[in-house]
């Protein structure tokens, strides 16, 4: 039924103007304002897009809503940190990040950060 559809994902924010600036200016993604007020479309590689929509009672996602595969996680973390992005530091018994926020405990290197609405994003080592 859905085999040939071009599915896409979406997530909510509490302020689409802040989201537009963050994703467009800080992260450098192409952000399109859609015909319906407040709707944004992030254009990502592979001719895909992600819908960002306003939600008055927005609650940030407690899981990663968007992963950005990169060749060099350390470099991506340094570049984003230089732009003011704060990376999450986790210090759980079986789940610790280093002082930069990079998880090196097995699997691909990954570091998490949040958008202005508090949604969790990551940079992850590309295969």
N, C-alpha and C. Protein backbone atom coordinates (compact mmCIF):
# COMPACT_ATOMS: atom_id res chain seq x y z
N UNK A 1 0.80 -1.20 0.00
CA UNK A 1 0.00 0.00 0.00
C UNK A 1 0.86 1.28 0.00
N UNK A 2 1.91 1.32 0.85
CA UNK A 2 2.73 2.52 0.95
C UNK A 2 4.12 2.34 0.35
N UNK A 3 4.35 1.25 -0.30
CA UNK A 3 5.68 0.93 -0.81
C UNK A 3 6.28 2.03 -1.67
N UNK A 4 5.49 2.67 -2.50
CA UNK A 4 6.02 3.66 -3.43
C UNK A 4 5.69 5.10 -3.04
N UNK A 5 5.24 5.29 -1.82
CA UNK A 5 4.97 6.67 -1.38
C UNK A 5 6.26 7.30 -0.86
N UNK A 6 6.32 8.60 -0.96
CA UNK A 6 7.47 9.33 -0.41
C UNK A 6 7.09 9.84 0.97
N UNK A 7 7.21 8.97 1.94
CA UNK A 7 6.88 9.33 3.31
C UNK A 7 7.84 10.40 3.82
N UNK A 8 7.38 11.16 4.78
CA UNK A 8 8.25 12.16 5.40
C UNK A 8 7.89 12.25 6.87
N UNK A 9 8.80 12.79 7.63
CA UNK A 9 8.61 12.92 9.06
C UNK A 9 8.33 14.37 9.41
N UNK A 10 7.87 14.58 10.61
CA UNK A 10 7.63 15.93 11.08
C UNK A 10 7.71 15.98 12.59
N UNK A 11 7.90 17.18 13.11
CA UNK A 11 7.91 17.37 14.55
C UNK A 11 7.47 18.80 14.86
N UNK A 12 7.04 19.00 16.09
CA UNK A 12 6.51 20.31 16.48
C UNK A 12 7.57 21.17 17.16
N UNK A 13 7.31 22.47 17.12
CA UNK A 13 8.11 23.46 17.83
C UNK A 13 7.14 24.47 18.44
N UNK A 14 7.64 25.27 19.35
CA UNK A 14 6.80 26.29 19.94
C UNK A 14 6.96 27.65 19.27
N UNK A 15 7.99 27.80 18.41
CA UNK A 15 8.24 29.08 17.74
C UNK A 15 8.89 28.79 16.39
N UNK A 16 8.11 28.90 15.32
CA UNK A 16 8.66 28.54 14.00
C UNK A 16 9.69 29.55 13.51
N UNK A 17 9.62 30.80 13.93
CA UNK A 17 10.63 31.77 13.51
C UNK A 17 11.99 31.41 14.09
N UNK A 18 12.02 31.03 15.37
CA UNK A 18 13.28 30.57 15.98
C UNK A 18 13.77 29.31 15.30
N UNK A 19 12.85 28.41 14.97
CA UNK A 19 13.22 27.17 14.29
C UNK A 19 13.82 27.49 12.92
N UNK A 20 13.20 28.42 12.20
CA UNK A 20 13.69 28.80 10.86
C UNK A 20 15.11 29.33 10.96
N UNK A 21 15.37 30.18 11.92
CA UNK A 21 16.72 30.74 12.10
C UNK A 21 17.72 29.66 12.49
N UNK A 22 17.33 28.79 13.43
CA UNK A 22 18.23 27.75 13.91
C UNK A 22 18.60 26.77 12.79
N UNK A 23 17.58 26.23 12.13
CA UNK A 23 17.84 25.22 11.10
C UNK A 23 18.44 25.85 9.84
N UNK A 24 17.98 27.03 9.49
CA UNK A 24 18.46 27.67 8.26
C UNK A 24 19.80 28.36 8.42
N UNK A 25 19.90 29.23 9.41
CA UNK A 25 21.12 30.03 9.56
C UNK A 25 22.21 29.29 10.32
N UNK A 26 21.88 28.70 11.46
CA UNK A 26 22.90 28.05 12.27
C UNK A 26 23.34 26.71 11.69
N UNK A 27 22.37 25.87 11.31
CA UNK A 27 22.73 24.55 10.77
C UNK A 27 22.96 24.56 9.26
N UNK A 28 22.50 25.60 8.58
CA UNK A 28 22.76 25.73 7.14
C UNK A 28 21.87 24.89 6.24
N UNK A 29 20.71 24.49 6.74
CA UNK A 29 19.78 23.72 5.92
C UNK A 29 18.89 24.66 5.11
N UNK A 30 18.38 24.16 4.00
CA UNK A 30 17.40 24.93 3.24
C UNK A 30 16.06 24.80 3.96
N UNK A 31 15.49 25.93 4.33
CA UNK A 31 14.21 25.97 5.04
C UNK A 31 13.22 26.71 4.17
N UNK A 32 12.09 26.08 3.90
CA UNK A 32 11.05 26.69 3.08
C UNK A 32 9.82 26.96 3.93
N UNK A 33 9.26 28.15 3.82
CA UNK A 33 7.99 28.45 4.46
C UNK A 33 6.89 27.95 3.55
N UNK A 34 6.00 27.14 4.07
CA UNK A 34 4.92 26.56 3.27
C UNK A 34 3.71 27.49 3.25
N UNK A 35 2.73 27.17 2.40
CA UNK A 35 1.55 28.01 2.23
C UNK A 35 0.73 28.20 3.50
N UNK A 36 0.66 27.19 4.33
CA UNK A 36 -0.09 27.32 5.58
C UNK A 36 0.77 28.08 6.59
N UNK A 37 0.23 29.07 7.26
CA UNK A 37 1.01 29.87 8.20
C UNK A 37 1.70 29.02 9.26
N UNK A 38 2.98 29.29 9.44
CA UNK A 38 3.74 28.62 10.48
C UNK A 38 4.39 27.31 10.08
N UNK A 39 4.02 26.75 8.94
CA UNK A 39 4.61 25.47 8.54
C UNK A 39 5.93 25.70 7.82
N UNK A 40 6.91 24.89 8.19
CA UNK A 40 8.22 24.94 7.55
C UNK A 40 8.56 23.57 6.99
N UNK A 41 9.36 23.57 5.94
CA UNK A 41 9.87 22.34 5.38
C UNK A 41 11.39 22.42 5.34
N UNK A 42 12.04 21.45 5.98
CA UNK A 42 13.49 21.35 5.90
C UNK A 42 13.81 20.47 4.70
N UNK A 43 14.62 20.98 3.79
CA UNK A 43 15.05 20.18 2.65
C UNK A 43 16.39 19.57 2.98
N UNK A 44 16.45 18.25 2.91
CA UNK A 44 17.68 17.54 3.22
C UNK A 44 18.11 16.72 2.00
N UNK A 45 19.31 16.22 2.05
CA UNK A 45 19.86 15.46 0.93
C UNK A 45 18.93 14.31 0.55
N UNK A 46 18.96 13.93 -0.71
CA UNK A 46 18.13 12.83 -1.19
C UNK A 46 16.75 13.29 -1.59
N UNK A 47 16.59 14.58 -1.80
CA UNK A 47 15.30 15.15 -2.20
C UNK A 47 14.20 14.83 -1.20
N UNK A 48 14.56 14.81 0.06
CA UNK A 48 13.60 14.56 1.13
C UNK A 48 13.32 15.85 1.87
N UNK A 49 12.24 15.83 2.63
CA UNK A 49 11.97 16.99 3.47
C UNK A 49 11.36 16.53 4.79
N UNK A 50 11.44 17.44 5.75
CA UNK A 50 10.91 17.20 7.09
C UNK A 50 10.00 18.37 7.42
N UNK A 51 8.83 18.08 7.90
CA UNK A 51 7.86 19.11 8.23
C UNK A 51 8.08 19.58 9.67
N UNK A 52 8.11 20.89 9.85
CA UNK A 52 8.15 21.48 11.19
C UNK A 52 6.88 22.29 11.32
N UNK A 53 6.15 22.04 12.38
CA UNK A 53 4.86 22.71 12.55
C UNK A 53 4.75 23.30 13.95
N UNK A 54 4.03 24.42 14.06
CA UNK A 54 3.85 25.03 15.38
C UNK A 54 2.79 24.28 16.18
N UNK A 55 3.03 24.24 17.47
CA UNK A 55 2.06 23.59 18.36
C UNK A 55 2.04 24.41 19.65
N UNK A 56 0.91 25.04 19.96
CA UNK A 56 0.85 25.90 21.14
C UNK A 56 1.22 25.20 22.45
N UNK A 57 0.84 23.95 22.58
CA UNK A 57 1.16 23.21 23.81
C UNK A 57 2.33 22.25 23.58
N UNK A 58 3.27 22.68 22.75
CA UNK A 58 4.44 21.87 22.39
C UNK A 58 5.17 21.37 23.64
N UNK A 59 5.50 20.11 23.61
CA UNK A 59 6.36 19.50 24.61
C UNK A 59 7.53 18.90 23.83
N UNK A 60 8.77 19.26 24.19
CA UNK A 60 9.91 18.72 23.44
C UNK A 60 9.93 17.19 23.44
N UNK A 61 10.38 16.65 22.33
CA UNK A 61 10.52 15.20 22.23
C UNK A 61 11.57 14.71 23.22
N UNK A 62 11.33 13.56 23.80
CA UNK A 62 12.28 12.98 24.75
C UNK A 62 13.19 11.97 24.06
N UNK A 63 13.17 11.97 22.75
CA UNK A 63 13.98 11.06 21.94
C UNK A 63 14.57 11.88 20.80
N UNK A 64 15.51 11.31 20.09
CA UNK A 64 16.15 12.01 18.98
C UNK A 64 15.20 12.08 17.79
N UNK A 65 14.87 13.30 17.37
CA UNK A 65 13.95 13.48 16.25
C UNK A 65 14.67 13.57 14.92
N UNK A 66 15.96 13.89 14.94
CA UNK A 66 16.70 14.09 13.70
C UNK A 66 18.17 13.80 13.93
N UNK A 67 18.74 12.92 13.12
CA UNK A 67 20.17 12.58 13.18
C UNK A 67 20.86 13.12 11.94
N UNK A 68 21.99 13.77 12.13
CA UNK A 68 22.79 14.28 11.02
C UNK A 68 24.06 13.45 10.89
N UNK A 69 24.13 12.54 9.90
CA UNK A 69 25.35 11.77 9.70
C UNK A 69 26.47 12.68 9.21
N UNK A 70 27.64 12.57 9.83
CA UNK A 70 28.80 13.38 9.46
C UNK A 70 30.03 12.48 9.41
N UNK A 71 31.01 12.90 8.61
CA UNK A 71 32.25 12.12 8.51
C UNK A 71 33.07 12.22 9.79
N UNK A 72 33.07 13.39 10.42
CA UNK A 72 33.91 13.66 11.58
C UNK A 72 33.05 14.28 12.69
N UNK A 73 32.65 13.47 13.65
CA UNK A 73 31.80 13.94 14.74
C UNK A 73 32.52 14.99 15.57
N UNK A 74 33.77 14.74 15.87
CA UNK A 74 34.55 15.69 16.69
C UNK A 74 34.58 17.07 16.04
N UNK A 75 34.83 17.12 14.74
CA UNK A 75 34.87 18.39 14.01
C UNK A 75 33.49 19.06 14.01
N UNK A 76 32.43 18.27 13.77
CA UNK A 76 31.07 18.82 13.76
C UNK A 76 30.71 19.40 15.13
N UNK A 77 31.07 18.69 16.19
CA UNK A 77 30.80 19.18 17.55
C UNK A 77 31.55 20.49 17.79
N UNK A 78 32.83 20.54 17.40
CA UNK A 78 33.62 21.75 17.60
C UNK A 78 33.04 22.93 16.83
N UNK A 79 32.63 22.69 15.58
CA UNK A 79 32.08 23.78 14.76
C UNK A 79 30.75 24.28 15.30
N UNK A 80 29.89 23.36 15.71
CA UNK A 80 28.61 23.77 16.27
C UNK A 80 28.78 24.45 17.63
N UNK A 81 29.67 23.94 18.45
CA UNK A 81 29.93 24.56 19.75
C UNK A 81 30.45 25.99 19.58
N UNK A 82 31.27 26.20 18.54
CA UNK A 82 31.78 27.55 18.26
C UNK A 82 30.66 28.51 17.88
N UNK A 83 29.54 27.95 17.37
CA UNK A 83 28.38 28.77 17.01
C UNK A 83 27.40 28.92 18.18
N UNK A 84 27.76 28.36 19.33
CA UNK A 84 26.92 28.49 20.52
C UNK A 84 26.04 27.31 20.84
N UNK A 85 26.12 26.23 20.06
CA UNK A 85 25.32 25.04 20.35
C UNK A 85 25.89 24.34 21.57
N UNK A 86 25.01 23.99 22.50
CA UNK A 86 25.41 23.27 23.71
C UNK A 86 25.07 21.80 23.53
N UNK A 87 26.04 20.95 23.76
CA UNK A 87 25.82 19.52 23.63
C UNK A 87 25.43 18.93 24.97
N UNK A 88 24.59 17.91 24.89
CA UNK A 88 24.09 17.25 26.09
C UNK A 88 25.21 16.40 26.71
N UNK A 89 25.30 16.46 28.01
CA UNK A 89 26.25 15.65 28.75
C UNK A 89 25.45 14.61 29.53
N UNK A 90 25.74 13.35 29.27
CA UNK A 90 25.06 12.27 29.96
C UNK A 90 26.08 11.57 30.87
N UNK A 91 25.68 11.28 32.09
CA UNK A 91 26.58 10.65 33.05
C UNK A 91 25.85 9.55 33.81
N UNK A 92 25.23 8.67 33.05
CA UNK A 92 24.54 7.52 33.64
C UNK A 92 25.54 6.38 33.79
N UNK A 93 25.27 5.43 34.69
CA UNK A 93 26.23 4.33 34.90
C UNK A 93 26.64 3.62 33.61
N UNK A 94 25.69 3.35 32.72
CA UNK A 94 26.02 2.62 31.49
C UNK A 94 25.96 3.51 30.26
N UNK A 95 25.91 4.82 30.48
CA UNK A 95 25.73 5.72 29.34
C UNK A 95 26.37 7.06 29.65
N UNK A 96 27.62 7.23 29.23
CA UNK A 96 28.36 8.45 29.54
C UNK A 96 28.90 9.08 28.27
N UNK A 97 28.80 10.40 28.23
CA UNK A 97 29.45 11.15 27.16
C UNK A 97 30.71 11.79 27.75
N UNK A 98 31.61 12.20 26.86
CA UNK A 98 32.80 12.90 27.35
C UNK A 98 32.47 14.37 27.60
N UNK A 99 33.49 15.16 27.92
CA UNK A 99 33.27 16.57 28.26
C UNK A 99 32.73 17.39 27.10
N UNK A 100 32.90 16.91 25.86
CA UNK A 100 32.34 17.59 24.69
C UNK A 100 30.91 17.16 24.40
N UNK A 101 30.48 16.07 25.04
CA UNK A 101 29.14 15.54 24.79
C UNK A 101 29.14 14.40 23.79
N UNK A 102 30.30 13.84 23.49
CA UNK A 102 30.40 12.74 22.51
C UNK A 102 30.34 11.40 23.24
N UNK A 103 29.45 10.54 22.78
CA UNK A 103 29.35 9.19 23.32
C UNK A 103 30.34 8.31 22.59
N UNK A 104 31.24 7.70 23.35
CA UNK A 104 32.28 6.84 22.77
C UNK A 104 32.22 5.43 23.36
N UNK A 105 31.04 5.03 23.83
CA UNK A 105 30.89 3.79 24.57
C UNK A 105 30.51 2.58 23.75
N UNK A 106 30.73 2.60 22.46
CA UNK A 106 30.36 1.48 21.60
C UNK A 106 29.41 1.94 20.53
N UNK A 107 29.51 1.37 19.37
CA UNK A 107 28.70 1.82 18.24
C UNK A 107 29.32 3.07 17.65
N UNK A 108 28.60 3.73 16.75
CA UNK A 108 29.16 4.92 16.12
C UNK A 108 29.27 6.08 17.12
N UNK A 109 30.26 6.93 16.91
CA UNK A 109 30.35 8.15 17.73
C UNK A 109 29.10 8.97 17.48
N UNK A 110 28.58 9.56 18.56
CA UNK A 110 27.36 10.36 18.44
C UNK A 110 27.36 11.42 19.54
N UNK A 111 26.78 12.57 19.22
CA UNK A 111 26.65 13.65 20.20
C UNK A 111 25.27 14.29 20.00
N UNK A 112 24.60 14.59 21.11
CA UNK A 112 23.24 15.11 21.06
C UNK A 112 23.20 16.58 21.45
N UNK A 113 22.30 17.31 20.82
CA UNK A 113 22.06 18.71 21.15
C UNK A 113 20.59 19.00 20.92
N UNK A 114 20.14 20.18 21.33
CA UNK A 114 18.72 20.50 21.23
C UNK A 114 18.49 21.72 20.33
N UNK A 115 17.32 21.72 19.68
CA UNK A 115 16.91 22.91 18.93
C UNK A 115 16.29 23.91 19.91
N UNK A 116 15.93 25.10 19.45
CA UNK A 116 15.37 26.10 20.38
C UNK A 116 14.09 25.65 21.08
N UNK A 117 13.37 24.69 20.51
CA UNK A 117 12.14 24.18 21.13
C UNK A 117 12.42 23.03 22.09
N UNK A 118 13.69 22.63 22.22
CA UNK A 118 14.05 21.55 23.13
C UNK A 118 14.03 20.17 22.54
N UNK A 119 13.76 20.05 21.22
CA UNK A 119 13.79 18.75 20.56
C UNK A 119 15.23 18.27 20.46
N UNK A 120 15.43 16.98 20.59
CA UNK A 120 16.78 16.39 20.60
C UNK A 120 17.20 16.03 19.17
N UNK A 121 18.41 16.48 18.81
CA UNK A 121 19.03 16.22 17.52
C UNK A 121 20.39 15.57 17.79
N UNK A 122 21.00 15.01 16.75
CA UNK A 122 22.34 14.47 16.95
C UNK A 122 23.21 14.65 15.72
N UNK A 123 24.50 14.60 15.96
CA UNK A 123 25.46 14.36 14.88
C UNK A 123 26.01 12.97 15.16
N UNK A 124 26.05 12.14 14.13
CA UNK A 124 26.43 10.75 14.28
C UNK A 124 27.43 10.38 13.19
N UNK A 125 28.39 9.55 13.55
CA UNK A 125 29.42 9.13 12.58
C UNK A 125 28.79 8.40 11.42
N UNK A 126 29.08 8.91 10.25
CA UNK A 126 28.58 8.34 8.99
C UNK A 126 29.35 7.06 8.70
N UNK A 127 28.65 6.05 8.22
CA UNK A 127 29.32 4.78 7.84
C UNK A 127 30.17 4.95 6.63
